[in-house]
C-alpha cells in the first residue's frame, strides 16, 4: 500500500574543506564548550557581551595608539628644538673664538698668538675622546 506523502526536499549546505575554516572565527566560549572545559554552552547574551567587550578593547587600543603617536611627535619636536638650540650655541662659541683669534692676530704679538693657539689646541684635545690603549 502506497501512501501519498509529500516529499520534502533537503538542500544540503555545501561543505568547505578543512583548510578553509579559520579556528579564530569560532568564539572562545564555543571552543571551550566543545573542548569540554566548560559545562554549559554559551548563551546569546554572553556572546553579545563578549562582542561588546571586544569592541571596547579595540577602541581603547586605538586611543592608546593615538596618545603614543602624539607623545612621539612631542618628543621629536623637543629633540629638534634642542638640536637647533645646540647648533646656535655652538655657532656663538665659534664666533667668539674666531673674534679672539682675529684680535690676537691683529695685536701681532707672536707670543700671545702662540699661547692662544696652544690653549685652543688643548681645548680641542680635551673635548675629543681618546680610547685607552690595552696593555702591551
Protein backbone atom coordinates (compact mmCIF):
# COMPACT_ATOMS: atom_id res chain seq x y z
CA UNK A 1 0.00 0.00 0.00
CA UNK A 2 1.35 3.27 -1.03
CA UNK A 3 0.77 6.44 0.95
CA UNK A 4 0.59 9.75 -0.77
CA UNK A 5 3.02 11.76 1.16
CA UNK A 6 4.60 14.95 0.04
CA UNK A 7 8.26 14.61 -0.14
CA UNK A 8 10.42 17.24 1.45
CA UNK A 9 13.42 18.39 -0.45
CA UNK A 10 16.59 18.72 1.54
CA UNK A 11 19.09 21.28 0.39
CA UNK A 12 22.40 20.31 1.78
CA UNK A 13 24.83 23.05 2.63
CA UNK A 14 27.95 22.80 0.55
CA UNK A 15 30.68 21.81 2.91
CA UNK A 16 34.01 23.51 2.84
CA UNK A 17 37.35 21.85 3.01
CA UNK A 18 39.00 21.83 6.44
CA UNK A 19 41.73 24.18 5.27
CA UNK A 20 39.10 26.85 4.52
CA UNK A 21 38.00 27.10 8.16
CA UNK A 22 39.63 29.63 10.41
CA UNK A 23 39.67 28.49 14.06
CA UNK A 24 39.65 32.13 15.18
CA UNK A 25 36.18 32.54 13.66
CA UNK A 26 34.73 30.37 16.44
CA UNK A 27 34.10 32.35 19.65
CA UNK A 28 36.25 31.24 22.57
CA UNK A 29 33.15 30.35 24.61
CA UNK A 30 32.05 27.81 21.99
CA UNK A 31 35.59 26.49 21.67
CA UNK A 32 35.76 25.95 25.43
CA UNK A 33 32.43 24.12 25.42
CA UNK A 34 33.44 21.89 22.51
CA UNK A 35 36.70 21.01 24.27
CA UNK A 36 34.74 20.14 27.44
CA UNK A 37 36.42 22.82 29.54
CA UNK A 38 33.09 24.43 30.38
CA UNK A 39 29.93 22.57 31.37
CA UNK A 40 27.29 24.63 29.53
CA UNK A 41 27.22 26.09 26.03
CA UNK A 42 27.38 29.90 25.89
CA UNK A 43 24.19 31.92 25.90
CA UNK A 44 23.33 34.51 23.27
CA UNK A 45 23.63 37.27 25.87
CA UNK A 46 27.07 36.06 26.88
CA UNK A 47 28.23 36.11 23.25
CA UNK A 48 26.80 39.62 22.76
CA UNK A 49 28.51 40.85 25.92
CA UNK A 50 31.80 39.43 24.68
CA UNK A 51 31.40 41.19 21.31
CA UNK A 52 30.78 44.47 23.15
CA UNK A 53 33.86 43.85 25.32
CA UNK A 54 35.95 43.26 22.18
CA UNK A 55 34.65 46.46 20.62
CA UNK A 56 35.60 48.43 23.76
CA UNK A 57 39.07 46.85 23.85
CA UNK A 58 39.69 47.78 20.21
CA UNK A 59 38.53 51.34 20.86
CA UNK A 60 40.83 51.63 23.89
CA UNK A 61 43.73 50.27 21.84
CA UNK A 62 43.15 52.93 19.17
CA UNK A 63 43.02 55.65 21.85
CA UNK A 64 46.28 54.43 23.40
CA UNK A 65 47.93 54.25 19.98
CA UNK A 66 46.93 57.82 19.15
CA UNK A 67 48.25 59.01 22.54
CA UNK A 68 51.53 57.21 21.91
CA UNK A 69 51.85 58.80 18.47
CA UNK A 70 51.17 62.25 19.97
CA UNK A 71 53.82 61.64 22.64
CA UNK A 72 56.35 60.54 19.99
CA UNK A 73 55.61 63.66 17.94
CA UNK A 74 56.11 65.82 21.04
CA UNK A 75 59.40 64.10 21.89
CA UNK A 76 60.66 64.53 18.33
CA UNK A 77 59.71 68.23 18.36
CA UNK A 78 61.60 68.71 21.64
CA UNK A 79 64.66 66.93 20.21
CA UNK A 80 64.63 69.12 17.13
CA UNK A 81 64.31 72.25 19.29
CA UNK A 82 67.24 71.13 21.47
CA UNK A 83 69.26 70.40 18.34
CA UNK A 84 68.59 73.85 16.89
CA UNK A 85 69.47 75.42 20.24
CA UNK A 86 72.73 73.45 20.48
CA UNK A 87 73.71 74.46 16.94
CA UNK A 88 73.00 78.11 17.73
CA UNK A 89 75.10 77.93 20.92
CA UNK A 90 77.92 76.25 19.03
CA UNK A 91 77.81 78.97 16.38
CA UNK A 92 78.02 81.65 19.09
CA UNK A 93 81.03 79.92 20.67
CA UNK A 94 82.76 79.58 17.30
CA UNK A 95 82.13 83.25 16.51
CA UNK A 96 83.60 84.32 19.86
CA UNK A 97 86.60 82.08 19.32
CA UNK A 98 87.10 83.49 15.82
CA UNK A 99 86.91 87.05 17.18
CA UNK A 100 89.51 86.19 19.82
CA UNK A 101 91.86 84.74 17.23
CA UNK A 102 91.38 87.73 14.94
CA UNK A 103 92.07 90.09 17.84
CA UNK A 104 95.20 88.14 18.70
CA UNK A 105 96.37 88.25 15.10
CA UNK A 106 95.71 91.98 15.00
CA UNK A 107 97.87 92.51 18.08
CA UNK A 108 100.65 90.80 16.17
CA UNK A 109 102.27 89.65 19.39
CA UNK A 110 103.69 86.28 18.37
CA UNK A 111 103.95 85.03 21.96
CA UNK A 112 100.29 85.84 22.69
CA UNK A 113 99.19 84.22 19.41
CA UNK A 114 101.19 81.08 20.24
CA UNK A 115 99.66 80.89 23.75
CA UNK A 116 96.14 81.24 22.42
CA UNK A 117 96.77 78.67 19.70
CA UNK A 118 98.15 76.26 22.31
CA UNK A 119 95.10 76.88 24.53
CA UNK A 120 92.78 76.24 21.59
CA UNK A 121 94.65 73.05 20.75
CA UNK A 122 94.38 71.80 24.34
CA UNK A 123 90.68 72.66 24.42
CA UNK A 124 90.08 70.66 21.25
CA UNK A 125 92.11 67.71 22.52
CA UNK A 126 90.27 67.67 25.85
CA UNK A 127 86.92 67.71 24.05
CA UNK A 128 87.79 64.77 21.80
CA UNK A 129 87.53 61.21 23.05
CA UNK A 130 90.68 59.15 23.04
CA UNK A 131 90.19 55.46 23.80
CA UNK A 132 92.67 53.95 26.23
CA UNK A 133 95.18 51.51 24.78
CA UNK A 134 95.18 48.00 26.02
CA UNK A 135 98.26 46.91 27.90
CA UNK A 136 101.17 45.80 25.78
